[in-house]
Amino acid sequence: MVDPDRHPEPAQPAHRRPRREPSPGPGDSAASPPGAATAGRDEDLVLLQFKGRRKGYYHNRHGVALKVGDHCLVEADRGRDLGKVLYIGPGREDWWAVAEHQGVIELAVEADLVRMRATREEESSLWDTCRERIVRRGLDMNLVTVERQHDGRKITFYFTAEGRVDFRDLVRDLAAVFRTRIELRQIGVRDDTRLQGGLAVCGREYCCSGFLHEFAPVTLKMAKTQQLPLNPAKLSGPCGRLRCCLAFEEEHYREARRRLPRVGLSVVTPDGTATVRQIDLLRETVTVDGREPGSLQEWPVDSVRWEEAPPAGGRGGCQGGGCRRGPA
């Protein structure tokens, strides 16, 4: 799968040219992202969003005065592109590995914004032309969207397909029609969903479209850790893959499991010894057998004591193969 938002990560230069600080804007007060590297940084890294929620990192080496929400021109593939500023700040080390080799050129003026709107309107006809050529050549591919570089020097067509597609003849067709550089990028179902956008079951914009920069691995084990029902229909997003949000609080749930006894363990409660039947990771409570047969009692974890040896093979309900002694 080819991710249109990802860029190669070349080696980071040892030195940077110092720059002047731009005047602060109302949007600059946004919190720095997790893992922000502030030490030794006197430059601003700029995160831009382009069409289809494609994002990129750029070095404001010329000290252009920007604020969040502005549009600016940046270095692009053999030309210039125009994007909207989402973040200005110290950034992270992995962002800088990309930003060092592409920079901000200047603040966009009204003429640039007019041209951007005209380009967006023109892209619908580019899509129709490409789709007609795909059908004519009988190619097994689904055209998702098209994006024209701001200076018009390149047109990128994004598509999905079950396997590899030989689109060399299609590229030649499109280059003869549009008289500019043509690029076709095969993307996966997650990228397709991000480009299309929409609302999730929570009522908010898709995470991949709204704020995620890159896709993080999501596994079924995360759902098990969070005690979610293993129902693919409920765990899958509109792309058909596991929801990105399963990874957001994974560390919290892992820590909570370390603080709670596992199901089936014998614990000491204020009412005596009992067996754990259920744990609540969010409320951090333990449900055990009650005094009456078939009854259950719920206790805060702080009122329960237990001791557990690591299970054989390092497997079990507690993270890392065993639980610590419970609170006194």
Protein backbone atom coordinates (compact mmCIF):
# COMPACT_ATOMS: atom_id res chain seq x y z
CA MET A 1 0.00 0.00 0.00
CA VAL A 2 1.30 3.39 -0.91
CA ASP A 3 0.49 6.20 1.51
CA PRO A 4 0.31 9.58 -0.27
CA ASP A 5 1.08 11.36 3.00
CA ARG A 6 4.31 9.58 3.66
CA HIS A 7 7.64 10.88 2.48
CA PRO A 8 11.12 9.35 2.49
CA GLU A 9 13.07 10.15 5.62
CA PRO A 10 16.55 11.25 4.58
CA ALA A 11 19.36 11.72 7.04
CA GLN A 12 19.12 14.88 9.12
CA PRO A 13 21.85 17.50 8.53
CA ALA A 14 24.14 18.29 11.43
CA HIS A 15 23.59 22.08 11.29
CA ARG A 16 20.77 24.45 10.51
CA ARG A 17 20.81 28.06 9.54
CA PRO A 18 19.39 30.22 12.36
CA ARG A 19 16.23 32.13 11.60
CA ARG A 20 14.18 34.93 13.06
CA GLU A 21 11.00 34.07 14.95
CA PRO A 22 7.72 34.98 13.23
CA SER A 23 5.25 37.15 15.07
CA PRO A 24 2.84 35.01 17.12
CA GLY A 25 -0.68 34.47 15.83
CA PRO A 26 -3.90 33.55 17.57
CA GLY A 27 -3.60 29.95 16.46
CA ASP A 28 -0.06 29.50 17.74
CA SER A 29 -1.24 28.72 21.25
CA ALA A 30 -2.18 25.17 20.29
CA ALA A 31 -0.53 22.56 22.46
CA SER A 32 2.59 20.93 21.11
CA PRO A 33 2.11 17.38 19.84
CA PRO A 34 3.15 14.38 21.95
CA GLY A 35 6.87 13.78 21.77
CA ALA A 36 7.65 17.36 20.82
CA ALA A 37 11.38 17.99 20.73
CA THR A 38 11.97 21.49 22.08
CA ALA A 39 15.58 21.25 23.14
CA GLY A 40 17.93 23.06 20.77
CA ARG A 41 15.13 24.10 18.39
CA ASP A 42 14.99 27.77 17.42
CA GLU A 43 13.10 27.23 14.16
CA ASP A 44 9.44 26.62 13.48
CA LEU A 45 8.25 23.45 11.86
CA VAL A 46 5.04 23.93 9.88
CA LEU A 47 2.45 21.23 9.32
CA LEU A 48 0.30 21.84 6.24
CA GLN A 49 -2.87 20.22 4.94
CA PHE A 50 -3.58 19.87 1.24
CA LYS A 51 -6.52 18.51 -0.73
CA GLY A 52 -7.92 15.22 0.52
CA ARG A 53 -6.51 15.91 4.00
CA ARG A 54 -3.03 15.06 2.78
CA LYS A 55 -0.49 16.46 5.23
CA GLY A 56 3.16 17.43 5.01
CA TYR A 57 5.95 18.87 7.17
CA TYR A 58 7.94 21.94 6.10
CA HIS A 59 10.81 24.01 7.47
CA ASN A 60 10.07 27.73 7.77
CA ARG A 61 13.73 28.52 7.16
CA HIS A 62 12.97 31.96 5.71
CA GLY A 63 11.07 33.10 8.79
CA VAL A 64 7.78 33.75 6.98
CA ALA A 65 5.25 35.20 9.44
CA LEU A 66 2.53 32.56 9.66
CA LYS A 67 -0.30 31.61 11.97
CA VAL A 68 -2.57 28.58 12.11
CA GLY A 69 -5.26 28.87 9.44
CA ASP A 70 -3.09 30.74 6.93
CA HIS A 71 -2.38 29.43 3.45
CA CYS A 72 1.20 29.45 2.22
CA LEU A 73 3.29 28.34 -0.75
CA VAL A 74 5.82 25.58 -0.18
CA GLU A 75 8.43 23.67 -2.11
CA ALA A 76 6.87 20.78 -4.02
CA ASP A 77 7.97 18.18 -6.53
CA ARG A 78 9.79 20.37 -9.12
CA GLY A 79 7.53 23.30 -8.35
CA ARG A 80 5.25 24.93 -5.78
CA ASP A 81 2.19 23.80 -3.90
CA LEU A 82 -0.28 25.58 -1.64
CA GLY A 83 -1.53 24.30 1.71
CA LYS A 84 -3.28 25.36 4.89
CA VAL A 85 -1.29 25.74 8.13
CA LEU A 86 -2.42 23.31 10.86
CA TYR A 87 0.48 23.56 13.30
CA ILE A 88 3.50 25.77 13.97
CA GLY A 89 6.06 24.80 16.57
CA PRO A 90 9.11 22.74 17.47
CA GLY A 91 7.66 19.54 16.05
CA ARG A 92 9.13 16.09 16.57
CA GLU A 93 12.38 14.54 15.43
CA ASP A 94 10.71 12.28 12.87
CA TRP A 95 8.85 15.28 11.45
CA TRP A 96 12.09 17.23 11.11
CA ALA A 97 13.66 14.41 9.11
CA VAL A 98 11.15 15.30 6.38
CA ALA A 99 10.78 19.05 6.96
CA GLU A 100 14.52 19.76 6.63
CA HIS A 101 14.38 19.02 2.91
CA GLN A 102 11.28 21.01 1.98
CA GLY A 103 10.46 24.50 3.10
CA VAL A 104 7.95 27.33 3.22
CA ILE A 105 8.39 29.89 0.42
CA GLU A 106 5.93 32.67 1.16
CA LEU A 107 2.50 33.56 2.49
CA ALA A 108 -0.29 33.05 -0.06
CA VAL A 109 -2.01 36.15 -1.45
CA GLU A 110 -5.58 36.50 -2.70
CA ALA A 111 -4.56 35.63 -6.27
CA ASP A 112 -3.15 32.30 -5.01
CA LEU A 113 -6.40 31.48 -3.22
CA VAL A 114 -8.43 32.31 -6.33
CA ARG A 115 -6.19 30.04 -8.37
CA MET A 116 -6.54 27.27 -5.79
CA ARG A 117 -10.34 27.39 -6.01
CA ALA A 118 -10.19 27.33 -9.79
CA THR A 119 -7.87 24.32 -9.68
CA ARG A 120 -10.24 22.44 -7.35
CA GLU A 121 -13.11 23.06 -9.79
CA GLU A 122 -10.99 21.91 -12.73
CA GLU A 123 -10.09 18.63 -11.04
CA SER A 124 -13.58 17.20 -11.57
CA SER A 125 -13.05 17.28 -15.33
CA LEU A 126 -9.60 15.72 -14.89
CA TRP A 127 -11.23 12.89 -12.96
CA ASP A 128 -13.79 12.31 -15.72
CA THR A 129 -11.09 12.17 -18.40
CA CYS A 130 -8.97 9.72 -16.43
CA ARG A 131 -11.98 7.53 -15.65
CA GLU A 132 -12.91 7.40 -19.34
CA ARG A 133 -9.37 6.29 -20.26
CA ILE A 134 -9.41 3.60 -17.54
CA VAL A 135 -12.65 2.14 -18.92
CA ARG A 136 -11.37 2.32 -22.49
CA ARG A 137 -8.25 0.33 -21.60
CA GLY A 138 -10.17 -2.11 -19.39
CA LEU A 139 -7.96 -1.59 -16.35
CA ASP A 140 -9.07 -3.20 -13.08
CA MET A 141 -8.68 -0.12 -10.89
CA ASN A 142 -10.95 2.25 -8.99
CA LEU A 143 -10.14 5.95 -9.38
CA VAL A 144 -10.51 7.67 -5.99
CA THR A 145 -9.53 11.31 -6.47
CA VAL A 146 -7.25 13.63 -8.41
CA GLU A 147 -5.05 16.47 -7.20
CA ARG A 148 -3.36 19.08 -9.36
CA GLN A 149 -0.26 20.78 -8.02
CA HIS A 150 -0.79 24.49 -7.43
CA ASP A 151 1.64 25.56 -10.14
CA GLY A 152 0.09 23.09 -12.59
CA ARG A 153 3.30 21.18 -13.22
CA LYS A 154 1.99 17.84 -11.96
CA ILE A 155 -1.32 15.98 -11.69
CA THR A 156 -1.63 13.07 -9.28
CA PHE A 157 -4.36 10.43 -9.62
CA TYR A 158 -5.07 8.22 -6.61
CA PHE A 159 -6.62 4.80 -7.16
CA THR A 160 -7.29 1.50 -5.42
CA ALA A 161 -6.91 -1.97 -6.90
CA GLU A 162 -6.90 -5.57 -5.72
CA GLY A 163 -3.42 -6.18 -7.08
CA ARG A 164 -0.69 -4.58 -9.14
CA VAL A 165 -1.84 -2.65 -12.20
CA ASP A 166 0.24 -1.90 -15.28
CA PHE A 167 -0.82 1.70 -15.91
CA ARG A 168 2.09 2.82 -18.10
CA ASP A 169 -0.08 3.19 -21.21
CA LEU A 170 -2.64 5.10 -19.16
CA VAL A 171 0.03 7.54 -18.00
CA ARG A 172 1.07 8.16 -21.60
CA ASP A 173 -2.56 8.77 -22.57
CA LEU A 174 -3.07 11.30 -19.79
CA ALA A 175 0.25 13.05 -20.43
CA ALA A 176 -0.72 13.51 -24.11
CA VAL A 177 -4.07 15.02 -23.09
CA PHE A 178 -2.97 17.32 -20.24
CA ARG A 179 0.56 18.15 -21.44
CA THR A 180 2.07 17.97 -17.96
CA ARG A 181 3.65 15.45 -15.59
CA ILE A 182 1.29 12.63 -14.59
CA GLU A 183 1.61 10.48 -11.48
CA LEU A 184 -0.63 7.56 -10.50
CA ARG A 185 -0.55 6.38 -6.88
CA GLN A 186 -2.08 3.14 -5.72
CA ILE A 187 -3.45 3.50 -2.20
CA GLY A 188 -5.04 1.14 0.30
CA VAL A 189 -8.52 1.09 1.81
CA ARG A 190 -7.45 3.15 4.84
CA ASP A 191 -6.02 5.86 2.60
CA ASP A 192 -9.16 5.75 0.48
CA THR A 193 -11.33 6.40 3.54
CA ARG A 194 -9.09 9.25 4.68
CA LEU A 195 -9.31 10.95 1.28
CA GLN A 196 -13.08 10.55 1.06
CA GLY A 197 -13.74 11.70 4.65
CA GLY A 198 -16.99 11.36 6.58
CA LEU A 199 -18.49 10.96 10.05
CA ALA A 200 -17.79 7.97 12.29
CA VAL A 201 -20.29 6.20 14.56
CA CYS A 202 -19.18 8.50 17.40
CA GLY A 203 -20.54 11.47 15.45
CA ARG A 204 -17.14 13.03 14.83
CA GLU A 205 -15.02 13.26 11.70
CA TYR A 206 -12.94 10.19 10.91
CA CYS A 207 -9.74 10.29 12.96
CA CYS A 208 -7.65 9.57 9.87
CA SER A 209 -9.22 12.54 8.08
CA GLY A 210 -9.25 14.91 11.02
CA PHE A 211 -6.02 14.79 12.95
CA LEU A 212 -3.98 11.63 12.38
CA HIS A 213 -0.80 12.19 10.36
CA GLU A 214 0.13 8.57 9.83
CA PHE A 215 -1.58 5.22 10.36
CA ALA A 216 -0.50 3.33 13.47
CA PRO A 217 -0.77 -0.48 13.69
CA VAL A 218 -4.03 -1.64 15.31
CA THR A 219 -4.39 -5.23 16.49
CA LEU A 220 -7.18 -7.41 17.84
CA LYS A 221 -5.19 -7.78 21.05
CA MET A 222 -5.93 -4.12 21.81
CA ALA A 223 -9.66 -4.88 21.76
CA LYS A 224 -9.15 -7.85 24.06
CA THR A 225 -7.15 -5.73 26.50
CA GLN A 226 -10.00 -3.19 26.61
CA GLN A 227 -12.58 -5.97 27.20
CA LEU A 228 -14.49 -5.10 24.05
CA PRO A 229 -16.78 -7.63 22.34
CA LEU A 230 -14.83 -9.27 19.54
CA ASN A 231 -17.44 -8.41 16.94
CA PRO A 232 -15.84 -7.38 13.64
CA ALA A 233 -18.85 -5.24 12.71
CA LYS A 234 -18.43 -3.14 15.86
CA LEU A 235 -14.62 -3.00 15.86
CA SER A 236 -14.16 -2.12 12.19
CA GLY A 237 -14.21 1.35 10.72
CA PRO A 238 -15.68 2.42 7.38
CA CYS A 239 -12.51 1.19 5.69
CA GLY A 240 -13.19 -2.35 6.89
CA ARG A 241 -10.09 -2.38 9.11
CA LEU A 242 -9.89 -2.16 12.90
CA ARG A 243 -10.72 1.33 14.16
CA CYS A 244 -7.75 3.64 14.71
CA CYS A 245 -9.22 4.77 18.05
CA LEU A 246 -8.52 1.33 19.57
CA ALA A 247 -4.88 2.39 19.86
CA PHE A 248 -5.51 5.75 21.54
CA GLU A 249 -5.97 4.49 25.13
CA GLU A 250 -4.14 1.20 24.84
CA GLU A 251 -1.45 2.18 27.34
CA HIS A 252 -4.07 3.26 29.92
CA TYR A 253 -5.80 -0.12 29.72
CA ARG A 254 -2.51 -1.97 29.93
CA GLU A 255 -1.61 -0.09 33.10
CA ALA A 256 -5.08 -0.71 34.53
CA ARG A 257 -4.69 -4.46 33.99
CA ARG A 258 -1.43 -4.40 35.90
CA ARG A 259 -3.24 -2.88 38.90
CA LEU A 260 -6.09 -5.42 38.95
CA PRO A 261 -6.16 -9.15 39.73
CA ARG A 262 -7.03 -11.53 36.94
CA VAL A 263 -10.36 -13.32 36.66
CA GLY A 264 -10.39 -16.61 38.60
CA LEU A 265 -7.86 -15.48 41.19
CA SER A 266 -8.57 -15.90 44.91
CA VAL A 267 -8.53 -12.53 46.71
CA VAL A 268 -9.11 -11.25 50.23
CA THR A 269 -11.97 -8.75 50.54
CA PRO A 270 -13.38 -7.00 53.65
CA ASP A 271 -15.96 -9.85 53.76
CA GLY A 272 -13.34 -12.61 53.50
CA THR A 273 -11.77 -14.71 50.77
CA ALA A 274 -13.53 -14.82 47.40
CA THR A 275 -12.90 -15.58 43.75
CA VAL A 276 -12.69 -12.85 41.12
CA ARG A 277 -15.46 -13.15 38.53
CA GLN A 278 -15.09 -9.86 36.70
CA ILE A 279 -12.93 -6.73 36.62
CA ASP A 280 -13.84 -3.21 35.46
CA LEU A 281 -10.79 -1.52 33.96
CA LEU A 282 -12.30 1.97 33.81
CA ARG A 283 -13.76 2.07 37.32
CA GLU A 284 -10.95 -0.15 38.68
CA THR A 285 -13.32 -2.40 40.60
CA VAL A 286 -13.34 -6.15 41.22
CA THR A 287 -16.50 -8.29 41.20
CA VAL A 288 -16.26 -11.43 43.36
CA ASP A 289 -18.51 -14.20 44.67
CA GLY A 290 -20.85 -12.96 47.40
CA ARG A 291 -21.75 -14.57 50.68
CA GLU A 292 -24.99 -16.00 49.30
CA PRO A 293 -24.67 -18.71 46.63
CA GLY A 294 -24.94 -17.20 43.16
CA SER A 295 -24.60 -13.63 44.41
CA LEU A 296 -21.88 -11.19 43.45
CA GLN A 297 -20.19 -8.28 45.23
CA GLU A 298 -18.21 -5.41 43.79
CA TRP A 299 -15.20 -3.92 45.57
CA PRO A 300 -12.79 -1.11 44.75
CA VAL A 301 -9.37 -2.51 43.97
CA ASP A 302 -7.90 -0.59 46.95
CA SER A 303 -9.98 -2.70 49.36
CA VAL A 304 -8.84 -6.04 47.93
CA ARG A 305 -5.62 -7.94 48.62
CA TRP A 306 -4.11 -10.70 46.53
CA GLU A 307 -0.87 -12.39 45.61
CA GLU A 308 -0.27 -14.18 42.36
CA ALA A 309 2.71 -16.06 40.97
CA PRO A 310 3.49 -15.65 37.27
CA PRO A 311 1.53 -18.26 35.25
CA ALA A 312 3.47 -20.87 33.33
CA GLY A 313 4.82 -19.57 30.07
CA GLY A 314 4.28 -15.94 31.07
CA ARG A 315 0.64 -15.94 29.92
CA GLY A 316 -2.41 -14.85 31.81
CA GLY A 317 -4.79 -12.03 32.56
CA CYS A 318 -2.10 -9.77 34.01
CA GLN A 319 0.32 -7.89 31.81
CA GLY A 320 3.80 -9.35 31.64
CA GLY A 321 2.86 -12.78 32.97
CA GLY A 322 1.96 -12.01 36.57
CA CYS A 323 0.39 -9.58 39.01
CA ARG A 324 1.97 -7.72 41.90
CA ARG A 325 0.67 -8.09 45.43
CA GLY A 326 -2.59 -6.25 45.82
CA PRO A 327 -3.00 -3.16 48.00
CA ALA A 328 -2.97 -3.73 51.72
